[in-house]
Amino acid sequence: MTPQHKQIFELHRDGFFHCSTEIEYIRDARKRISELNRMGYKFQALPCDGRCGKHHNSRLFMRRLVEIPESSPNPKPVQQPLLAPNQFHYQH
């Protein structure tokens, strides 16, 4: 896991949705999330509807971590219990 992967993981490990603007400083953040998906970290994504406090002119996504692989080098459990896919919580 690269330092960029770790930054994304640490942000999302709380089980809440986070707008993609929160990780825009990470180079190729969408690619890093895709790589994490291939490693077994599963994310749920929804279009950001402004609940993050910003109204976007383009279609951005909010994501939350919903599954951590058992083989994870970061075995610490998420800080908040993971929610059912139909529950929506956002945290800045």
PDB file of N, CA and C in Angstrom:
ATOM      1  N   MET A   1       0.855  -1.176   0.000  1.00  0.00           N
ATOM      2  CA  MET A   1       0.000   0.000   0.000  1.00  0.00           C
ATOM      3  C   MET A   1       0.903   1.241   0.000  1.00  0.00           C
ATOM      4  N   THR A   2       0.632   2.143  -0.925  1.00  0.00           N
ATOM      5  CA  THR A   2       1.430   3.367  -1.042  1.00  0.00           C
ATOM      6  C   THR A   2       0.964   4.403  -0.014  1.00  0.00           C
ATOM      7  N   PRO A   3       1.749   5.451   0.208  1.00  0.00           N
ATOM      8  CA  PRO A   3       1.290   6.520   1.111  1.00  0.00           C
ATOM      9  C   PRO A   3      -0.036   7.140   0.665  1.00  0.00           C
ATOM     10  N   GLN A   4      -0.260   7.229  -0.650  1.00  0.00           N
ATOM     11  CA  GLN A   4      -1.530   7.778  -1.142  1.00  0.00           C
ATOM     12  C   GLN A   4      -2.692   6.851  -0.794  1.00  0.00           C
ATOM     13  N   HIS A   5      -2.492   5.548  -0.947  1.00  0.00           N
ATOM     14  CA  HIS A   5      -3.524   4.582  -0.565  1.00  0.00           C
ATOM     15  C   HIS A   5      -3.839   4.723   0.922  1.00  0.00           C
ATOM     16  N   LYS A   6      -2.798   4.864   1.735  1.00  0.00           N
ATOM     17  CA  LYS A   6      -2.988   4.985   3.180  1.00  0.00           C
ATOM     18  C   LYS A   6      -3.781   6.238   3.537  1.00  0.00           C
ATOM     19  N   GLN A   7      -3.515   7.351   2.842  1.00  0.00           N
ATOM     20  CA  GLN A   7      -4.260   8.584   3.104  1.00  0.00           C
ATOM     21  C   GLN A   7      -5.742   8.401   2.807  1.00  0.00           C
ATOM     22  N   ILE A   8      -6.041   7.770   1.686  1.00  0.00           N
ATOM     23  CA  ILE A   8      -7.431   7.525   1.294  1.00  0.00           C
ATOM     24  C   ILE A   8      -8.091   6.586   2.293  1.00  0.00           C
ATOM     25  N   PHE A   9      -7.383   5.522   2.669  1.00  0.00           N
ATOM     26  CA  PHE A   9      -7.920   4.568   3.634  1.00  0.00           C
ATOM     27  C   PHE A   9      -8.208   5.246   4.972  1.00  0.00           C
ATOM     28  N   GLU A  10      -7.267   6.023   5.471  1.00  0.00           N
ATOM     29  CA  GLU A  10      -7.432   6.676   6.771  1.00  0.00           C
ATOM     30  C   GLU A  10      -8.626   7.640   6.774  1.00  0.00           C
ATOM     31  N   LEU A  11      -8.838   8.341   5.677  1.00  0.00           N
ATOM     32  CA  LEU A  11      -9.980   9.239   5.588  1.00  0.00           C
ATOM     33  C   LEU A  11     -11.297   8.472   5.634  1.00  0.00           C
ATOM     34  N   HIS A  12     -11.354   7.352   4.926  1.00  0.00           N
ATOM     35  CA  HIS A  12     -12.609   6.622   4.758  1.00  0.00           C
ATOM     36  C   HIS A  12     -12.858   5.549   5.812  1.00  0.00           C
ATOM     37  N   ARG A  13     -11.911   5.260   6.674  1.00  0.00           N
ATOM     38  CA  ARG A  13     -12.056   4.154   7.613  1.00  0.00           C
ATOM     39  C   ARG A  13     -13.156   4.387   8.647  1.00  0.00           C
ATOM     40  N   ASP A  14     -13.690   5.611   8.733  1.00  0.00           N
ATOM     41  CA  ASP A  14     -14.738   5.896   9.715  1.00  0.00           C
ATOM     42  C   ASP A  14     -16.118   5.410   9.282  1.00  0.00           C
ATOM     43  N   GLY A  15     -16.248   4.939   8.032  1.00  0.00           N
ATOM     44  CA  GLY A  15     -17.523   4.412   7.561  1.00  0.00           C
ATOM     45  C   GLY A  15     -18.503   5.464   7.072  1.00  0.00           C
ATOM     46  N   PHE A  16     -18.123   6.735   7.116  1.00  0.00           N
ATOM     47  CA  PHE A  16     -18.985   7.816   6.634  1.00  0.00           C
ATOM     48  C   PHE A  16     -18.670   8.143   5.181  1.00  0.00           C
ATOM     49  N   PHE A  17     -19.616   8.782   4.499  1.00  0.00           N
ATOM     50  CA  PHE A  17     -19.367   9.269   3.149  1.00  0.00           C
ATOM     51  C   PHE A  17     -18.442  10.473   3.217  1.00  0.00           C
ATOM     52  N   HIS A  18     -17.549  10.563   2.238  1.00  0.00           N
ATOM     53  CA  HIS A  18     -16.651  11.710   2.093  1.00  0.00           C
ATOM     54  C   HIS A  18     -16.674  12.142   0.628  1.00  0.00           C
ATOM     55  N   CYS A  19     -16.841  13.429   0.407  1.00  0.00           N
ATOM     56  CA  CYS A  19     -16.866  13.986  -0.947  1.00  0.00           C
ATOM     57  C   CYS A  19     -15.483  13.851  -1.572  1.00  0.00           C
ATOM     58  N   SER A  20     -15.453  13.632  -2.863  1.00  0.00           N
ATOM     59  CA  SER A  20     -14.164  13.471  -3.547  1.00  0.00           C
ATOM     60  C   SER A  20     -13.322  14.739  -3.500  1.00  0.00           C
ATOM     61  N   THR A  21     -13.932  15.888  -3.180  1.00  0.00           N
ATOM     62  CA  THR A  21     -13.123  17.112  -3.054  1.00  0.00           C
ATOM     63  C   THR A  21     -12.186  17.032  -1.850  1.00  0.00           C
ATOM     64  N   GLU A  22     -12.481  16.139  -0.905  1.00  0.00           N
ATOM     65  CA  GLU A  22     -11.626  15.993   0.267  1.00  0.00           C
ATOM     66  C   GLU A  22     -10.305  15.310  -0.055  1.00  0.00           C
ATOM     67  N   ILE A  23     -10.229  14.654  -1.199  1.00  0.00           N
ATOM     68  CA  ILE A  23      -8.977  13.980  -1.566  1.00  0.00           C
ATOM     69  C   ILE A  23      -8.437  14.473  -2.909  1.00  0.00           C
ATOM     70  N   GLU A  24      -8.920  15.611  -3.363  1.00  0.00           N
ATOM     71  CA  GLU A  24      -8.497  16.092  -4.681  1.00  0.00           C
ATOM     72  C   GLU A  24      -7.017  16.447  -4.717  1.00  0.00           C
ATOM     73  N   TYR A  25      -6.393  16.661  -3.544  1.00  0.00           N
ATOM     74  CA  TYR A  25      -4.968  16.979  -3.486  1.00  0.00           C
ATOM     75  C   TYR A  25      -4.102  15.755  -3.766  1.00  0.00           C
ATOM     76  N   ILE A  26      -4.697  14.558  -3.710  1.00  0.00           N
ATOM     77  CA  ILE A  26      -3.957  13.326  -3.990  1.00  0.00           C
ATOM     78  C   ILE A  26      -3.949  13.112  -5.495  1.00  0.00           C
ATOM     79  N   ARG A  27      -2.769  12.999  -6.043  1.00  0.00           N
ATOM     80  CA  ARG A  27      -2.642  12.805  -7.485  1.00  0.00           C
ATOM     81  C   ARG A  27      -3.335  11.515  -7.912  1.00  0.00           C
ATOM     82  N   ASP A  28      -4.157  11.606  -8.929  1.00  0.00           N
ATOM     83  CA  ASP A  28      -4.886  10.461  -9.480  1.00  0.00           C
ATOM     84  C   ASP A  28      -5.687   9.717  -8.414  1.00  0.00           C
ATOM     85  N   ALA A  29      -6.412  10.449  -7.591  1.00  0.00           N
ATOM     86  CA  ALA A  29      -7.158   9.855  -6.477  1.00  0.00           C
ATOM     87  C   ALA A  29      -8.138   8.780  -6.946  1.00  0.00           C
ATOM     88  N   ARG A  30      -8.834   9.010  -8.061  1.00  0.00           N
ATOM     89  CA  ARG A  30      -9.785   7.999  -8.544  1.00  0.00           C
ATOM     90  C   ARG A  30      -9.064   6.710  -8.916  1.00  0.00           C
ATOM     91  N   LYS A  31      -7.888   6.845  -9.484  1.00  0.00           N
ATOM     92  CA  LYS A  31      -7.102   5.659  -9.831  1.00  0.00           C
ATOM     93  C   LYS A  31      -6.673   4.927  -8.561  1.00  0.00           C
ATOM     94  N   ARG A  32      -6.284   5.662  -7.537  1.00  0.00           N
ATOM     95  CA  ARG A  32      -5.868   5.048  -6.266  1.00  0.00           C
ATOM     96  C   ARG A  32      -7.048   4.312  -5.617  1.00  0.00           C
ATOM     97  N   ILE A  33      -8.254   4.879  -5.703  1.00  0.00           N
ATOM     98  CA  ILE A  33      -9.432   4.201  -5.166  1.00  0.00           C
ATOM     99  C   ILE A  33      -9.701   2.923  -5.951  1.00  0.00           C
ATOM    100  N   SER A  34      -9.550   2.986  -7.254  1.00  0.00           N
ATOM    101  CA  SER A  34      -9.722   1.796  -8.091  1.00  0.00           C
ATOM    102  C   SER A  34      -8.705   0.719  -7.702  1.00  0.00           C
ATOM    103  N   GLU A  35      -7.475   1.126  -7.434  1.00  0.00           N
ATOM    104  CA  GLU A  35      -6.440   0.171  -7.000  1.00  0.00           C
ATOM    105  C   GLU A  35      -6.802  -0.436  -5.647  1.00  0.00           C
ATOM    106  N   LEU A  36      -7.322   0.395  -4.740  1.00  0.00           N
ATOM    107  CA  LEU A  36      -7.754  -0.125  -3.441  1.00  0.00           C
ATOM    108  C   LEU A  36      -8.886  -1.133  -3.617  1.00  0.00           C
ATOM    109  N   ASN A  37      -9.809  -0.868  -4.542  1.00  0.00           N
ATOM    110  CA  ASN A  37     -10.880  -1.828  -4.837  1.00  0.00           C
ATOM    111  C   ASN A  37     -10.304  -3.166  -5.284  1.00  0.00           C
ATOM    112  N   ARG A  38      -9.298  -3.126  -6.132  1.00  0.00           N
ATOM    113  CA  ARG A  38      -8.661  -4.359  -6.600  1.00  0.00           C
ATOM    114  C   ARG A  38      -7.946  -5.087  -5.466  1.00  0.00           C
ATOM    115  N   MET A  39      -7.507  -4.352  -4.433  1.00  0.00           N
ATOM    116  CA  MET A  39      -6.851  -4.954  -3.264  1.00  0.00           C
ATOM    117  C   MET A  39      -7.863  -5.546  -2.284  1.00  0.00           C
ATOM    118  N   GLY A  40      -9.161  -5.307  -2.527  1.00  0.00           N
ATOM    119  CA  GLY A  40     -10.189  -5.865  -1.665  1.00  0.00           C
ATOM    120  C   GLY A  40     -10.896  -4.857  -0.777  1.00  0.00           C
ATOM    121  N   TYR A  41     -10.485  -3.594  -0.821  1.00  0.00           N
ATOM    122  CA  TYR A  41     -11.186  -2.537  -0.083  1.00  0.00           C
ATOM    123  C   TYR A  41     -12.373  -2.121  -0.944  1.00  0.00           C
ATOM    124  N   LYS A  42     -13.564  -2.227  -0.408  1.00  0.00           N
ATOM    125  CA  LYS A  42     -14.753  -1.929  -1.207  1.00  0.00           C
ATOM    126  C   LYS A  42     -15.371  -0.603  -0.765  1.00  0.00           C
ATOM    127  N   PHE A  43     -15.667   0.220  -1.761  1.00  0.00           N
ATOM    128  CA  PHE A  43     -16.253   1.534  -1.533  1.00  0.00           C
ATOM    129  C   PHE A  43     -17.636   1.592  -2.145  1.00  0.00           C
ATOM    130  N   GLN A  44     -18.514   2.325  -1.497  1.00  0.00           N
ATOM    131  CA  GLN A  44     -19.821   2.642  -2.068  1.00  0.00           C
ATOM    132  C   GLN A  44     -19.742   4.085  -2.532  1.00  0.00           C
ATOM    133  N   ALA A  45     -20.257   4.385  -3.704  1.00  0.00           N
ATOM    134  CA  ALA A  45     -20.206   5.746  -4.256  1.00  0.00           C
ATOM    135  C   ALA A  45     -21.602   6.224  -4.620  1.00  0.00           C
ATOM    136  N   LEU A  46     -21.841   7.501  -4.325  1.00  0.00           N
ATOM    137  CA  LEU A  46     -23.090   8.169  -4.697  1.00  0.00           C
ATOM    138  C   LEU A  46     -22.737   9.540  -5.249  1.00  0.00           C
ATOM    139  N   PRO A  47     -23.520  10.059  -6.194  1.00  0.00           N
ATOM    140  CA  PRO A  47     -23.257  11.432  -6.649  1.00  0.00           C
ATOM    141  C   PRO A  47     -23.394  12.404  -5.476  1.00  0.00           C
ATOM    142  N   CYS A  48     -22.478  13.343  -5.370  1.00  0.00           N
ATOM    143  CA  CYS A  48     -22.533  14.340  -4.295  1.00  0.00           C
ATOM    144  C   CYS A  48     -23.633  15.340  -4.632  1.00  0.00           C
ATOM    145  N   ASP A  49     -24.566  15.481  -3.709  1.00  0.00           N
ATOM    146  CA  ASP A  49     -25.701  16.383  -3.938  1.00  0.00           C
ATOM    147  C   ASP A  49     -25.585  17.672  -3.135  1.00  0.00           C
ATOM    148  N   GLY A  50     -24.401  17.986  -2.670  1.00  0.00           N
ATOM    149  CA  GLY A  50     -24.188  19.223  -1.928  1.00  0.00           C
ATOM    150  C   GLY A  50     -24.208  19.063  -0.415  1.00  0.00           C
ATOM    151  N   ARG A  51     -24.416  17.835   0.065  1.00  0.00           N
ATOM    152  CA  ARG A  51     -24.434  17.617   1.514  1.00  0.00           C
ATOM    153  C   ARG A  51     -23.081  17.867   2.151  1.00  0.00           C
ATOM    154  N   CYS A  52     -22.056  17.949   1.342  1.00  0.00           N
ATOM    155  CA  CYS A  52     -20.711  18.217   1.852  1.00  0.00           C
ATOM    156  C   CYS A  52     -20.520  19.698   2.160  1.00  0.00           C
ATOM    157  N   GLY A  53     -21.510  20.523   1.798  1.00  0.00           N
ATOM    158  CA  GLY A  53     -21.414  21.953   2.034  1.00  0.00           C
ATOM    159  C   GLY A  53     -20.974  22.726   0.804  1.00  0.00           C
ATOM    160  N   LYS A  54     -20.699  22.013  -0.273  1.00  0.00           N
ATOM    161  CA  LYS A  54     -20.288  22.652  -1.524  1.00  0.00           C
ATOM    162  C   LYS A  54     -21.228  22.205  -2.628  1.00  0.00           C
ATOM    163  N   HIS A  55     -21.579  23.133  -3.489  1.00  0.00           N
ATOM    164  CA  HIS A  55     -22.388  22.782  -4.654  1.00  0.00           C
ATOM    165  C   HIS A  55     -21.452  22.732  -5.853  1.00  0.00           C
ATOM    166  N   HIS A  56     -21.414  21.588  -6.490  1.00  0.00           N
ATOM    167  CA  HIS A  56     -20.465  21.338  -7.565  1.00  0.00           C
ATOM    168  C   HIS A  56     -21.084  21.604  -8.935  1.00  0.00           C
ATOM    169  N   ASN A  57     -20.275  22.107  -9.843  1.00  0.00           N
ATOM    170  CA  ASN A  57     -20.733  22.329 -11.214  1.00  0.00           C
ATOM    171  C   ASN A  57     -20.588  21.075 -12.059  1.00  0.00           C
ATOM    172  N   SER A  58     -19.852  20.103 -11.539  1.00  0.00           N
ATOM    173  CA  SER A  58     -19.682  18.851 -12.265  1.00  0.00           C
ATOM    174  C   SER A  58     -20.170  17.704 -11.386  1.00  0.00           C
ATOM    175  N   ARG A  59     -20.253  16.544 -11.957  1.00  0.00           N
ATOM    176  CA  ARG A  59     -20.766  15.392 -11.214  1.00  0.00           C
ATOM    177  C   ARG A  59     -19.627  14.743 -10.425  1.00  0.00           C
ATOM    178  N   LEU A  60     -19.562  15.059  -9.155  1.00  0.00           N
ATOM    179  CA  LEU A  60     -18.573  14.467  -8.263  1.00  0.00           C
ATOM    180  C   LEU A  60     -19.252  13.419  -7.400  1.00  0.00           C
ATOM    181  N   PHE A  61     -18.454  12.522  -6.857  1.00  0.00           N
ATOM    182  CA  PHE A  61     -18.995  11.444  -6.046  1.00  0.00           C
ATOM    183  C   PHE A  61     -18.547  11.532  -4.604  1.00  0.00           C
ATOM    184  N   MET A  62     -19.430  11.047  -3.737  1.00  0.00           N
ATOM    185  CA  MET A  62     -19.087  10.815  -2.337  1.00  0.00           C
ATOM    186  C   MET A  62     -18.854   9.314  -2.230  1.00  0.00           C
ATOM    187  N   ARG A  63     -17.889   8.954  -1.411  1.00  0.00           N
ATOM    188  CA  ARG A  63     -17.600   7.535  -1.229  1.00  0.00           C
ATOM    189  C   ARG A  63     -17.480   7.220   0.249  1.00  0.00           C
ATOM    190  N   ARG A  64     -17.758   5.960   0.551  1.00  0.00           N
ATOM    191  CA  ARG A  64     -17.497   5.463   1.895  1.00  0.00           C
ATOM    192  C   ARG A  64     -16.963   4.047   1.781  1.00  0.00           C
ATOM    193  N   LEU A  65     -16.142   3.698   2.743  1.00  0.00           N
ATOM    194  CA  LEU A  65     -15.560   2.367   2.799  1.00  0.00           C
ATOM    195  C   LEU A  65     -16.577   1.430   3.412  1.00  0.00           C
ATOM    196  N   VAL A  66     -16.894   0.336   2.728  1.00  0.00           N
ATOM    197  CA  VAL A  66     -17.884  -0.609   3.236  1.00  0.00           C
ATOM    198  C   VAL A  66     -17.284  -1.981   3.540  1.00  0.00           C
ATOM    199  N   GLU A  67     -16.055  -2.229   3.089  1.00  0.00           N
ATOM    200  CA  GLU A  67     -15.442  -3.532   3.359  1.00  0.00           C
ATOM    201  C   GLU A  67     -13.926  -3.408   3.371  1.00  0.00           C
ATOM    202  N   ILE A  68     -13.329  -4.017   4.382  1.00  0.00           N
ATOM    203  CA  ILE A  68     -11.867  -4.057   4.504  1.00  0.00           C
ATOM    204  C   ILE A  68     -11.459  -5.517   4.361  1.00  0.00           C
ATOM    205  N   PRO A  69     -10.476  -5.837   3.506  1.00  0.00           N
ATOM    206  CA  PRO A  69     -10.089  -7.237   3.346  1.00  0.00           C
ATOM    207  C   PRO A  69      -9.440  -7.773   4.623  1.00  0.00           C
ATOM    208  N   GLU A  70      -9.631  -9.061   4.876  1.00  0.00           N
ATOM    209  CA  GLU A  70      -9.039  -9.678   6.060  1.00  0.00           C
ATOM    210  C   GLU A  70      -7.516  -9.626   6.019  1.00  0.00           C
ATOM    211  N   SER A  71      -6.965  -9.605   4.830  1.00  0.00           N
ATOM    212  CA  SER A  71      -5.505  -9.587   4.672  1.00  0.00           C
ATOM    213  C   SER A  71      -4.932  -8.173   4.732  1.00  0.00           C
ATOM    214  N   SER A  72      -5.730  -7.212   5.155  1.00  0.00           N
ATOM    215  CA  SER A  72      -5.307  -5.815   5.182  1.00  0.00           C
ATOM    216  C   SER A  72      -4.106  -5.602   6.090  1.00  0.00           C
ATOM    217  N   PRO A  73      -3.127  -4.787   5.630  1.00  0.00           N
ATOM    218  CA  PRO A  73      -2.022  -4.427   6.513  1.00  0.00           C
ATOM    219  C   PRO A  73      -2.466  -3.445   7.589  1.00  0.00           C
ATOM    220  N   ASN A  74      -3.686  -2.974   7.492  1.00  0.00           N
ATOM    221  CA  ASN A  74      -4.282  -2.058   8.469  1.00  0.00           C
ATOM    222  C   ASN A  74      -5.476  -2.756   9.104  1.00  0.00           C
ATOM    223  N   PRO A  75      -5.225  -3.726   9.975  1.00  0.00           N
ATOM    224  CA  PRO A  75      -6.333  -4.533  10.495  1.00  0.00           C
ATOM    225  C   PRO A  75      -7.221  -3.833  11.508  1.00  0.00           C
ATOM    226  N   LYS A  76      -6.886  -2.608  11.894  1.00  0.00           N
ATOM    227  CA  LYS A  76      -7.715  -1.898  12.875  1.00  0.00           C
ATOM    228  C   LYS A  76      -9.136  -1.777  12.338  1.00  0.00           C
ATOM    229  N   PRO A  77     -10.129  -2.017  13.181  1.00  0.00           N
ATOM    230  CA  PRO A  77     -11.512  -1.871  12.705  1.00  0.00           C
ATOM    231  C   PRO A  77     -11.831  -0.414  12.421  1.00  0.00           C
ATOM    232  N   VAL A  78     -12.848  -0.205  11.608  1.00  0.00           N
ATOM    233  CA  VAL A  78     -13.280   1.159  11.338  1.00  0.00           C
ATOM    234  C   VAL A  78     -13.782   1.772  12.630  1.00  0.00           C
ATOM    235  N   GLN A  79     -13.676   3.093  12.756  1.00  0.00           N
ATOM    236  CA  GLN A  79     -14.041   3.766  13.993  1.00  0.00           C
ATOM    237  C   GLN A  79     -15.545   3.746  14.231  1.00  0.00           C
ATOM    238  N   GLN A  80     -16.321   3.870  13.197  1.00  0.00           N
ATOM    239  CA  GLN A  80     -17.776   3.803  13.290  1.00  0.00           C
ATOM    240  C   GLN A  80     -18.202   2.475  12.677  1.00  0.00           C
ATOM    241  N   PRO A  81     -19.256   1.867  13.178  1.00  0.00           N
ATOM    242  CA  PRO A  81     -19.725   0.649  12.525  1.00  0.00           C
ATOM    243  C   PRO A  81     -20.141   0.954  11.096  1.00  0.00           C
ATOM    244  N   LEU A  82     -19.805   0.063  10.201  1.00  0.00           N
ATOM    245  CA  LEU A  82     -20.214   0.261   8.808  1.00  0.00           C
ATOM    246  C   LEU A  82     -21.727   0.166   8.718  1.00  0.00           C
ATOM    247  N   LEU A  83     -22.286   0.981   7.873  1.00  0.00           N
ATOM    248  CA  LEU A  83     -23.733   1.095   7.745  1.00  0.00           C
ATOM    249  C   LEU A  83     -24.246   0.232   6.615  1.00  0.00           C
ATOM    250  N   ALA A  84     -25.500  -0.109   6.694  1.00  0.00           N
ATOM    251  CA  ALA A  84     -26.131  -0.819   5.591  1.00  0.00           C
ATOM    252  C   ALA A  84     -26.096   0.086   4.365  1.00  0.00           C
ATOM    253  N   PRO A  85     -25.984  -0.484   3.159  1.00  0.00           N
ATOM    254  CA  PRO A  85     -25.865   0.338   1.947  1.00  0.00           C
ATOM    255  C   PRO A  85     -26.977   1.352   1.754  1.00  0.00           C
ATOM    256  N   ASN A  86     -28.153   1.137   2.336  1.00  0.00           N
ATOM    257  CA  ASN A  86     -29.248   2.096   2.127  1.00  0.00           C
ATOM    258  C   ASN A  86     -29.240   3.218   3.161  1.00  0.00           C
ATOM    259  N   GLN A  87     -28.350   3.167   4.143  1.00  0.00           N
ATOM    260  CA  GLN A  87     -28.253   4.251   5.129  1.00  0.00           C
ATOM    261  C   GLN A  87     -27.291   5.301   4.628  1.00  0.00           C
ATOM    262  N   PHE A  88     -27.602   6.555   4.924  1.00  0.00           N
ATOM    263  CA  PHE A  88     -26.770   7.644   4.415  1.00  0.00           C
ATOM    264  C   PHE A  88     -26.302   8.506   5.572  1.00  0.00           C
ATOM    265  N   HIS A  89     -25.025   8.634   5.729  1.00  0.00           N
ATOM    266  CA  HIS A  89     -24.442   9.538   6.722  1.00  0.00           C
ATOM    267  C   HIS A  89     -23.262  10.242   6.060  1.00  0.00           C
ATOM    268  N   TYR A  90     -23.133  11.509   6.327  1.00  0.00           N
ATOM    269  CA  TYR A  90     -22.027  12.277   5.759  1.00  0.00           C
ATOM    270  C   TYR A  90     -21.281  12.940   6.884  1.00  0.00           C
ATOM    271  N   GLN A  91     -19.980  12.939   6.796  1.00  0.00           N
ATOM    272  CA  GLN A  91     -19.162  13.641   7.780  1.00  0.00           C
ATOM    273  C   GLN A  91     -18.106  14.427   7.041  1.00  0.00           C
ATOM    274  N   HIS A  92     -17.896  15.693   7.445  1.00  0.00           N
ATOM    275  CA  HIS A  92     -16.880  16.534   6.827  1.00  0.00           C
ATOM    276  C   HIS A  92     -15.514  16.116   7.286  1.00  0.00           C
TER     277      HIS A  92
END
